[in-house]
Amino acid sequence: MESCCKEAELQFSVFLIHQLARAWKKSPREVYHALDETHILDDYIIKHYDVLHSMGEQGLVEDITEFMKEKKAV
C-alpha cells in the first residue's frame, strides 16, 4: 500500500479487505494479495475512496467482486 495513504483510506481498505475475505471465504491476506496484484487496491479502492466509502457494505463487496471477475482474479 502506498505510504501517502491517509489514515481514513487505510482503515477503509482494511475494513473492505475483511468484508471481501468473508464474502469470498478467503483469508484477509489472500484478499490483500489479490487486490494488490491486480492493482485494484491502489488504483481503485484508495484512489476512489471519496466515492467508495459512501457506498453500502453489500454494494462495495458486489462492486469489487465484479471488478475482480473482470480481471479474472476471483
PDB file of N, CA and C in Angstrom:
ATOM      1  N   MET A   1       0.849  -1.173   0.000  1.00  0.00           N
ATOM      2  CA  MET A   1       0.000   0.000   0.000  1.00  0.00           C
ATOM      3  C   MET A   1       0.893   1.233   0.000  1.00  0.00           C
ATOM      4  N   GLU A   2       0.492   2.264  -0.692  1.00  0.00           N
ATOM      5  CA  GLU A   2       1.281   3.476  -0.803  1.00  0.00           C
ATOM      6  C   GLU A   2       1.434   4.150   0.543  1.00  0.00           C
ATOM      7  N   SER A   3       2.615   4.749   0.767  1.00  0.00           N
ATOM      8  CA  SER A   3       2.857   5.428   2.031  1.00  0.00           C
ATOM      9  C   SER A   3       2.102   6.743   2.128  1.00  0.00           C
ATOM     10  N   CYS A   4       1.603   7.250   1.006  1.00  0.00           N
ATOM     11  CA  CYS A   4       0.865   8.508   1.032  1.00  0.00           C
ATOM     12  C   CYS A   4      -0.602   8.307   1.407  1.00  0.00           C
ATOM     13  N   CYS A   5      -0.960   7.075   1.677  1.00  0.00           N
ATOM     14  CA  CYS A   5      -2.335   6.736   2.049  1.00  0.00           C
ATOM     15  C   CYS A   5      -2.695   7.374   3.388  1.00  0.00           C
ATOM     16  N   LYS A   6      -3.814   8.056   3.423  1.00  0.00           N
ATOM     17  CA  LYS A   6      -4.282   8.683   4.658  1.00  0.00           C
ATOM     18  C   LYS A   6      -4.854   7.624   5.593  1.00  0.00           C
ATOM     19  N   GLU A   7      -4.943   7.976   6.865  1.00  0.00           N
ATOM     20  CA  GLU A   7      -5.426   7.023   7.866  1.00  0.00           C
ATOM     21  C   GLU A   7      -6.842   6.533   7.539  1.00  0.00           C
ATOM     22  N   ALA A   8      -7.717   7.432   7.112  1.00  0.00           N
ATOM     23  CA  ALA A   8      -9.097   7.029   6.786  1.00  0.00           C
ATOM     24  C   ALA A   8      -9.113   6.046   5.623  1.00  0.00           C
ATOM     25  N   GLU A   9      -8.264   6.278   4.634  1.00  0.00           N
ATOM     26  CA  GLU A   9      -8.186   5.367   3.487  1.00  0.00           C
ATOM     27  C   GLU A   9      -7.647   4.012   3.911  1.00  0.00           C
ATOM     28  N   LEU A  10      -6.678   4.031   4.808  1.00  0.00           N
ATOM     29  CA  LEU A  10      -6.112   2.790   5.310  1.00  0.00           C
ATOM     30  C   LEU A  10      -7.154   1.993   6.093  1.00  0.00           C
ATOM     31  N   GLN A  11      -7.876   2.649   6.977  1.00  0.00           N
ATOM     32  CA  GLN A  11      -8.920   1.978   7.753  1.00  0.00           C
ATOM     33  C   GLN A  11     -10.006   1.421   6.839  1.00  0.00           C
ATOM     34  N   PHE A  12     -10.390   2.186   5.844  1.00  0.00           N
ATOM     35  CA  PHE A  12     -11.399   1.744   4.891  1.00  0.00           C
ATOM     36  C   PHE A  12     -10.909   0.510   4.136  1.00  0.00           C
ATOM     37  N   SER A  13      -9.659   0.537   3.702  1.00  0.00           N
ATOM     38  CA  SER A  13      -9.093  -0.587   2.957  1.00  0.00           C
ATOM     39  C   SER A  13      -9.071  -1.852   3.795  1.00  0.00           C
ATOM     40  N   VAL A  14      -8.673  -1.725   5.062  1.00  0.00           N
ATOM     41  CA  VAL A  14      -8.646  -2.884   5.965  1.00  0.00           C
ATOM     42  C   VAL A  14     -10.058  -3.422   6.172  1.00  0.00           C
ATOM     43  N   PHE A  15     -11.009  -2.521   6.405  1.00  0.00           N
ATOM     44  CA  PHE A  15     -12.411  -2.918   6.561  1.00  0.00           C
ATOM     45  C   PHE A  15     -12.888  -3.684   5.328  1.00  0.00           C
ATOM     46  N   LEU A  16     -12.619  -3.133   4.152  1.00  0.00           N
ATOM     47  CA  LEU A  16     -13.083  -3.743   2.913  1.00  0.00           C
ATOM     48  C   LEU A  16     -12.415  -5.090   2.672  1.00  0.00           C
ATOM     49  N   ILE A  17     -11.139  -5.195   2.949  1.00  0.00           N
ATOM     50  CA  ILE A  17     -10.433  -6.470   2.791  1.00  0.00           C
ATOM     51  C   ILE A  17     -11.085  -7.548   3.663  1.00  0.00           C
ATOM     52  N   HIS A  18     -11.440  -7.202   4.884  1.00  0.00           N
ATOM     53  CA  HIS A  18     -12.085  -8.180   5.771  1.00  0.00           C
ATOM     54  C   HIS A  18     -13.495  -8.543   5.295  1.00  0.00           C
ATOM     55  N   GLN A  19     -14.221  -7.578   4.759  1.00  0.00           N
ATOM     56  CA  GLN A  19     -15.556  -7.874   4.226  1.00  0.00           C
ATOM     57  C   GLN A  19     -15.456  -8.784   3.004  1.00  0.00           C
ATOM     58  N   LEU A  20     -14.497  -8.509   2.140  1.00  0.00           N
ATOM     59  CA  LEU A  20     -14.295  -9.344   0.958  1.00  0.00           C
ATOM     60  C   LEU A  20     -13.832 -10.745   1.361  1.00  0.00           C
ATOM     61  N   ALA A  21     -12.975 -10.833   2.352  1.00  0.00           N
ATOM     62  CA  ALA A  21     -12.492 -12.141   2.817  1.00  0.00           C
ATOM     63  C   ALA A  21     -13.653 -13.003   3.289  1.00  0.00           C
ATOM     64  N   ARG A  22     -14.561 -12.395   4.015  1.00  0.00           N
ATOM     65  CA  ARG A  22     -15.739 -13.128   4.485  1.00  0.00           C
ATOM     66  C   ARG A  22     -16.600 -13.573   3.296  1.00  0.00           C
ATOM     67  N   ALA A  23     -16.835 -12.662   2.352  1.00  0.00           N
ATOM     68  CA  ALA A  23     -17.687 -12.973   1.198  1.00  0.00           C
ATOM     69  C   ALA A  23     -17.046 -14.025   0.285  1.00  0.00           C
ATOM     70  N   TRP A  24     -15.739 -13.942   0.120  1.00  0.00           N
ATOM     71  CA  TRP A  24     -15.036 -14.856  -0.781  1.00  0.00           C
ATOM     72  C   TRP A  24     -14.555 -16.126  -0.094  1.00  0.00           C
ATOM     73  N   LYS A  25     -14.756 -16.195   1.229  1.00  0.00           N
ATOM     74  CA  LYS A  25     -14.302 -17.346   2.016  1.00  0.00           C
ATOM     75  C   LYS A  25     -12.796 -17.567   1.839  1.00  0.00           C
ATOM     76  N   LYS A  26     -12.055 -16.464   1.953  1.00  0.00           N
ATOM     77  CA  LYS A  26     -10.595 -16.487   1.880  1.00  0.00           C
ATOM     78  C   LYS A  26     -10.049 -15.727   3.073  1.00  0.00           C
ATOM     79  N   SER A  27      -8.772 -15.862   3.300  1.00  0.00           N
ATOM     80  CA  SER A  27      -8.152 -15.117   4.391  1.00  0.00           C
ATOM     81  C   SER A  27      -7.951 -13.660   3.948  1.00  0.00           C
ATOM     82  N   PRO A  28      -7.920 -12.741   4.898  1.00  0.00           N
ATOM     83  CA  PRO A  28      -7.633 -11.340   4.543  1.00  0.00           C
ATOM     84  C   PRO A  28      -6.304 -11.201   3.792  1.00  0.00           C
ATOM     85  N   ARG A  29      -5.330 -12.014   4.150  1.00  0.00           N
ATOM     86  CA  ARG A  29      -4.030 -11.981   3.462  1.00  0.00           C
ATOM     87  C   ARG A  29      -4.187 -12.331   1.977  1.00  0.00           C
ATOM     88  N   GLU A  30      -4.969 -13.365   1.688  1.00  0.00           N
ATOM     89  CA  GLU A  30      -5.194 -13.766   0.296  1.00  0.00           C
ATOM     90  C   GLU A  30      -5.904 -12.655  -0.480  1.00  0.00           C
ATOM     91  N   VAL A  31      -6.889 -12.040   0.161  1.00  0.00           N
ATOM     92  CA  VAL A  31      -7.632 -10.956  -0.485  1.00  0.00           C
ATOM     93  C   VAL A  31      -6.710  -9.771  -0.740  1.00  0.00           C
ATOM     94  N   TYR A  32      -5.906  -9.408   0.258  1.00  0.00           N
ATOM     95  CA  TYR A  32      -4.962  -8.307   0.087  1.00  0.00           C
ATOM     96  C   TYR A  32      -4.056  -8.563  -1.115  1.00  0.00           C
ATOM     97  N   HIS A  33      -3.492  -9.757  -1.192  1.00  0.00           N
ATOM     98  CA  HIS A  33      -2.576 -10.074  -2.292  1.00  0.00           C
ATOM     99  C   HIS A  33      -3.292 -10.024  -3.645  1.00  0.00           C
ATOM    100  N   ALA A  34      -4.521 -10.519  -3.704  1.00  0.00           N
ATOM    101  CA  ALA A  34      -5.281 -10.469  -4.956  1.00  0.00           C
ATOM    102  C   ALA A  34      -5.557  -9.025  -5.378  1.00  0.00           C
ATOM    103  N   LEU A  35      -5.947  -8.184  -4.425  1.00  0.00           N
ATOM    104  CA  LEU A  35      -6.219  -6.779  -4.733  1.00  0.00           C
ATOM    105  C   LEU A  35      -4.949  -6.041  -5.107  1.00  0.00           C
ATOM    106  N   ASP A  36      -3.858  -6.380  -4.457  1.00  0.00           N
ATOM    107  CA  ASP A  36      -2.580  -5.735  -4.740  1.00  0.00           C
ATOM    108  C   ASP A  36      -2.047  -6.155  -6.112  1.00  0.00           C
ATOM    109  N   GLU A  37      -2.095  -7.439  -6.405  1.00  0.00           N
ATOM    110  CA  GLU A  37      -1.587  -7.959  -7.679  1.00  0.00           C
ATOM    111  C   GLU A  37      -2.349  -7.408  -8.878  1.00  0.00           C
ATOM    112  N   THR A  38      -3.627  -7.163  -8.713  1.00  0.00           N
ATOM    113  CA  THR A  38      -4.446  -6.644  -9.812  1.00  0.00           C
ATOM    114  C   THR A  38      -4.479  -5.110  -9.821  1.00  0.00           C
ATOM    115  N   HIS A  39      -3.785  -4.496  -8.872  1.00  0.00           N
ATOM    116  CA  HIS A  39      -3.708  -3.033  -8.730  1.00  0.00           C
ATOM    117  C   HIS A  39      -5.043  -2.402  -8.354  1.00  0.00           C
ATOM    118  N   ILE A  40      -6.009  -3.221  -7.972  1.00  0.00           N
ATOM    119  CA  ILE A  40      -7.311  -2.695  -7.574  1.00  0.00           C
ATOM    120  C   ILE A  40      -7.198  -1.927  -6.260  1.00  0.00           C
ATOM    121  N   LEU A  41      -6.322  -2.365  -5.390  1.00  0.00           N
ATOM    122  CA  LEU A  41      -6.187  -1.699  -4.096  1.00  0.00           C
ATOM    123  C   LEU A  41      -5.756  -0.241  -4.267  1.00  0.00           C
ATOM    124  N   ASP A  42      -4.660  -0.018  -4.962  1.00  0.00           N
ATOM    125  CA  ASP A  42      -4.149   1.349  -5.127  1.00  0.00           C
ATOM    126  C   ASP A  42      -4.914   2.143  -6.178  1.00  0.00           C
ATOM    127  N   ASP A  43      -5.155   1.515  -7.334  1.00  0.00           N
ATOM    128  CA  ASP A  43      -5.720   2.251  -8.470  1.00  0.00           C
ATOM    129  C   ASP A  43      -7.230   2.417  -8.424  1.00  0.00           C
ATOM    130  N   TYR A  44      -7.898   1.695  -7.551  1.00  0.00           N
ATOM    131  CA  TYR A  44      -9.357   1.812  -7.475  1.00  0.00           C
ATOM    132  C   TYR A  44      -9.838   2.126  -6.062  1.00  0.00           C
ATOM    133  N   ILE A  45      -9.513   1.249  -5.110  1.00  0.00           N
ATOM    134  CA  ILE A  45     -10.051   1.413  -3.753  1.00  0.00           C
ATOM    135  C   ILE A  45      -9.508   2.679  -3.092  1.00  0.00           C
ATOM    136  N   ILE A  46      -8.203   2.839  -3.081  1.00  0.00           N
ATOM    137  CA  ILE A  46      -7.623   4.017  -2.436  1.00  0.00           C
ATOM    138  C   ILE A  46      -7.842   5.270  -3.285  1.00  0.00           C
ATOM    139  N   LYS A  47      -7.651   5.133  -4.568  1.00  0.00           N
ATOM    140  CA  LYS A  47      -7.800   6.286  -5.467  1.00  0.00           C
ATOM    141  C   LYS A  47      -9.219   6.859  -5.432  1.00  0.00           C
ATOM    142  N   HIS A  48     -10.225   5.986  -5.315  1.00  0.00           N
ATOM    143  CA  HIS A  48     -11.621   6.422  -5.349  1.00  0.00           C
ATOM    144  C   HIS A  48     -12.298   6.314  -3.983  1.00  0.00           C
ATOM    145  N   TYR A  49     -11.501   6.427  -2.951  1.00  0.00           N
ATOM    146  CA  TYR A  49     -12.003   6.346  -1.581  1.00  0.00           C
ATOM    147  C   TYR A  49     -13.184   7.287  -1.352  1.00  0.00           C
ATOM    148  N   ASP A  50     -13.079   8.525  -1.836  1.00  0.00           N
ATOM    149  CA  ASP A  50     -14.121   9.526  -1.588  1.00  0.00           C
ATOM    150  C   ASP A  50     -15.502   9.047  -2.031  1.00  0.00           C
ATOM    151  N   VAL A  51     -15.565   8.323  -3.134  1.00  0.00           N
ATOM    152  CA  VAL A  51     -16.840   7.818  -3.637  1.00  0.00           C
ATOM    153  C   VAL A  51     -17.191   6.487  -2.966  1.00  0.00           C
ATOM    154  N   LEU A  52     -16.229   5.601  -2.901  1.00  0.00           N
ATOM    155  CA  LEU A  52     -16.487   4.252  -2.408  1.00  0.00           C
ATOM    156  C   LEU A  52     -16.900   4.208  -0.940  1.00  0.00           C
ATOM    157  N   HIS A  53     -16.333   5.062  -0.111  1.00  0.00           N
ATOM    158  CA  HIS A  53     -16.638   4.963   1.323  1.00  0.00           C
ATOM    159  C   HIS A  53     -18.073   5.350   1.643  1.00  0.00           C
ATOM    160  N   SER A  54     -18.755   5.970   0.681  1.00  0.00           N
ATOM    161  CA  SER A  54     -20.157   6.336   0.908  1.00  0.00           C
ATOM    162  C   SER A  54     -21.130   5.243   0.467  1.00  0.00           C
ATOM    163  N   MET A  55     -20.591   4.184  -0.153  1.00  0.00           N
ATOM    164  CA  MET A  55     -21.434   3.070  -0.592  1.00  0.00           C
ATOM    165  C   MET A  55     -21.734   2.152   0.580  1.00  0.00           C
ATOM    166  N   GLY A  56     -22.810   1.414   0.477  1.00  0.00           N
ATOM    167  CA  GLY A  56     -23.140   0.425   1.492  1.00  0.00           C
ATOM    168  C   GLY A  56     -22.207  -0.762   1.417  1.00  0.00           C
ATOM    169  N   GLU A  57     -22.113  -1.475   2.512  1.00  0.00           N
ATOM    170  CA  GLU A  57     -21.214  -2.621   2.626  1.00  0.00           C
ATOM    171  C   GLU A  57     -21.464  -3.663   1.526  1.00  0.00           C
ATOM    172  N   GLN A  58     -22.718  -4.036   1.334  1.00  0.00           N
ATOM    173  CA  GLN A  58     -23.051  -5.051   0.319  1.00  0.00           C
ATOM    174  C   GLN A  58     -22.709  -4.561  -1.083  1.00  0.00           C
ATOM    175  N   GLY A  59     -23.011  -3.305  -1.355  1.00  0.00           N
ATOM    176  CA  GLY A  59     -22.697  -2.731  -2.663  1.00  0.00           C
ATOM    177  C   GLY A  59     -21.206  -2.716  -2.940  1.00  0.00           C
ATOM    178  N   LEU A  60     -20.419  -2.431  -1.925  1.00  0.00           N
ATOM    179  CA  LEU A  60     -18.960  -2.442  -2.065  1.00  0.00           C
ATOM    180  C   LEU A  60     -18.451  -3.834  -2.400  1.00  0.00           C
ATOM    181  N   VAL A  61     -18.920  -4.808  -1.652  1.00  0.00           N
ATOM    182  CA  VAL A  61     -18.486  -6.190  -1.881  1.00  0.00           C
ATOM    183  C   VAL A  61     -18.861  -6.626  -3.298  1.00  0.00           C
ATOM    184  N   GLU A  62     -20.075  -6.329  -3.722  1.00  0.00           N
ATOM    185  CA  GLU A  62     -20.508  -6.697  -5.074  1.00  0.00           C
ATOM    186  C   GLU A  62     -19.687  -5.980  -6.131  1.00  0.00           C
ATOM    187  N   ASP A  63     -19.428  -4.688  -5.920  1.00  0.00           N
ATOM    188  CA  ASP A  63     -18.659  -3.886  -6.878  1.00  0.00           C
ATOM    189  C   ASP A  63     -17.243  -4.430  -7.052  1.00  0.00           C
ATOM    190  N   ILE A  64     -16.562  -4.670  -5.954  1.00  0.00           N
ATOM    191  CA  ILE A  64     -15.186  -5.161  -6.028  1.00  0.00           C
ATOM    192  C   ILE A  64     -15.155  -6.591  -6.563  1.00  0.00           C
ATOM    193  N   THR A  65     -16.133  -7.403  -6.195  1.00  0.00           N
ATOM    194  CA  THR A  65     -16.197  -8.774  -6.705  1.00  0.00           C
ATOM    195  C   THR A  65     -16.342  -8.770  -8.228  1.00  0.00           C
ATOM    196  N   GLU A  66     -17.218  -7.932  -8.746  1.00  0.00           N
ATOM    197  CA  GLU A  66     -17.388  -7.831 -10.198  1.00  0.00           C
ATOM    198  C   GLU A  66     -16.113  -7.347 -10.875  1.00  0.00           C
ATOM    199  N   PHE A  67     -15.465  -6.365 -10.266  1.00  0.00           N
ATOM    200  CA  PHE A  67     -14.218  -5.831 -10.807  1.00  0.00           C
ATOM    201  C   PHE A  67     -13.162  -6.925 -10.856  1.00  0.00           C
ATOM    202  N   MET A  68     -13.078  -7.737  -9.813  1.00  0.00           N
ATOM    203  CA  MET A  68     -12.120  -8.832  -9.782  1.00  0.00           C
ATOM    204  C   MET A  68     -12.450  -9.893 -10.838  1.00  0.00           C
ATOM    205  N   LYS A  69     -13.733 -10.147 -11.035  1.00  0.00           N
ATOM    206  CA  LYS A  69     -14.124 -11.122 -12.070  1.00  0.00           C
ATOM    207  C   LYS A  69     -13.719 -10.635 -13.452  1.00  0.00           C
ATOM    208  N   GLU A  70     -13.867  -9.327 -13.686  1.00  0.00           N
ATOM    209  CA  GLU A  70     -13.438  -8.745 -14.969  1.00  0.00           C
ATOM    210  C   GLU A  70     -11.938  -8.959 -15.176  1.00  0.00           C
ATOM    211  N   LYS A  71     -11.189  -8.916 -14.101  1.00  0.00           N
ATOM    212  CA  LYS A  71      -9.748  -9.127 -14.176  1.00  0.00           C
ATOM    213  C   LYS A  71      -9.406 -10.606 -14.034  1.00  0.00           C
ATOM    214  N   LYS A  72     -10.442 -11.446 -13.923  1.00  0.00           N
ATOM    215  CA  LYS A  72     -10.313 -12.902 -13.796  1.00  0.00           C
ATOM    216  C   LYS A  72      -9.445 -13.312 -12.614  1.00  0.00           C
ATOM    217  N   ALA A  73      -9.636 -12.594 -11.503  1.00  0.00           N
ATOM    218  CA  ALA A  73      -8.855 -12.872 -10.306  1.00  0.00           C
ATOM    219  C   ALA A  73      -9.674 -13.553  -9.217  1.00  0.00           C
ATOM    220  N   VAL A  74     -10.985 -13.687  -9.414  1.00  0.00           N
ATOM    221  CA  VAL A  74     -11.828 -14.357  -8.407  1.00  0.00           C
ATOM    222  C   VAL A  74     -12.423 -15.589  -9.050  1.00  0.00           C
TER     223      VAL A  74
END
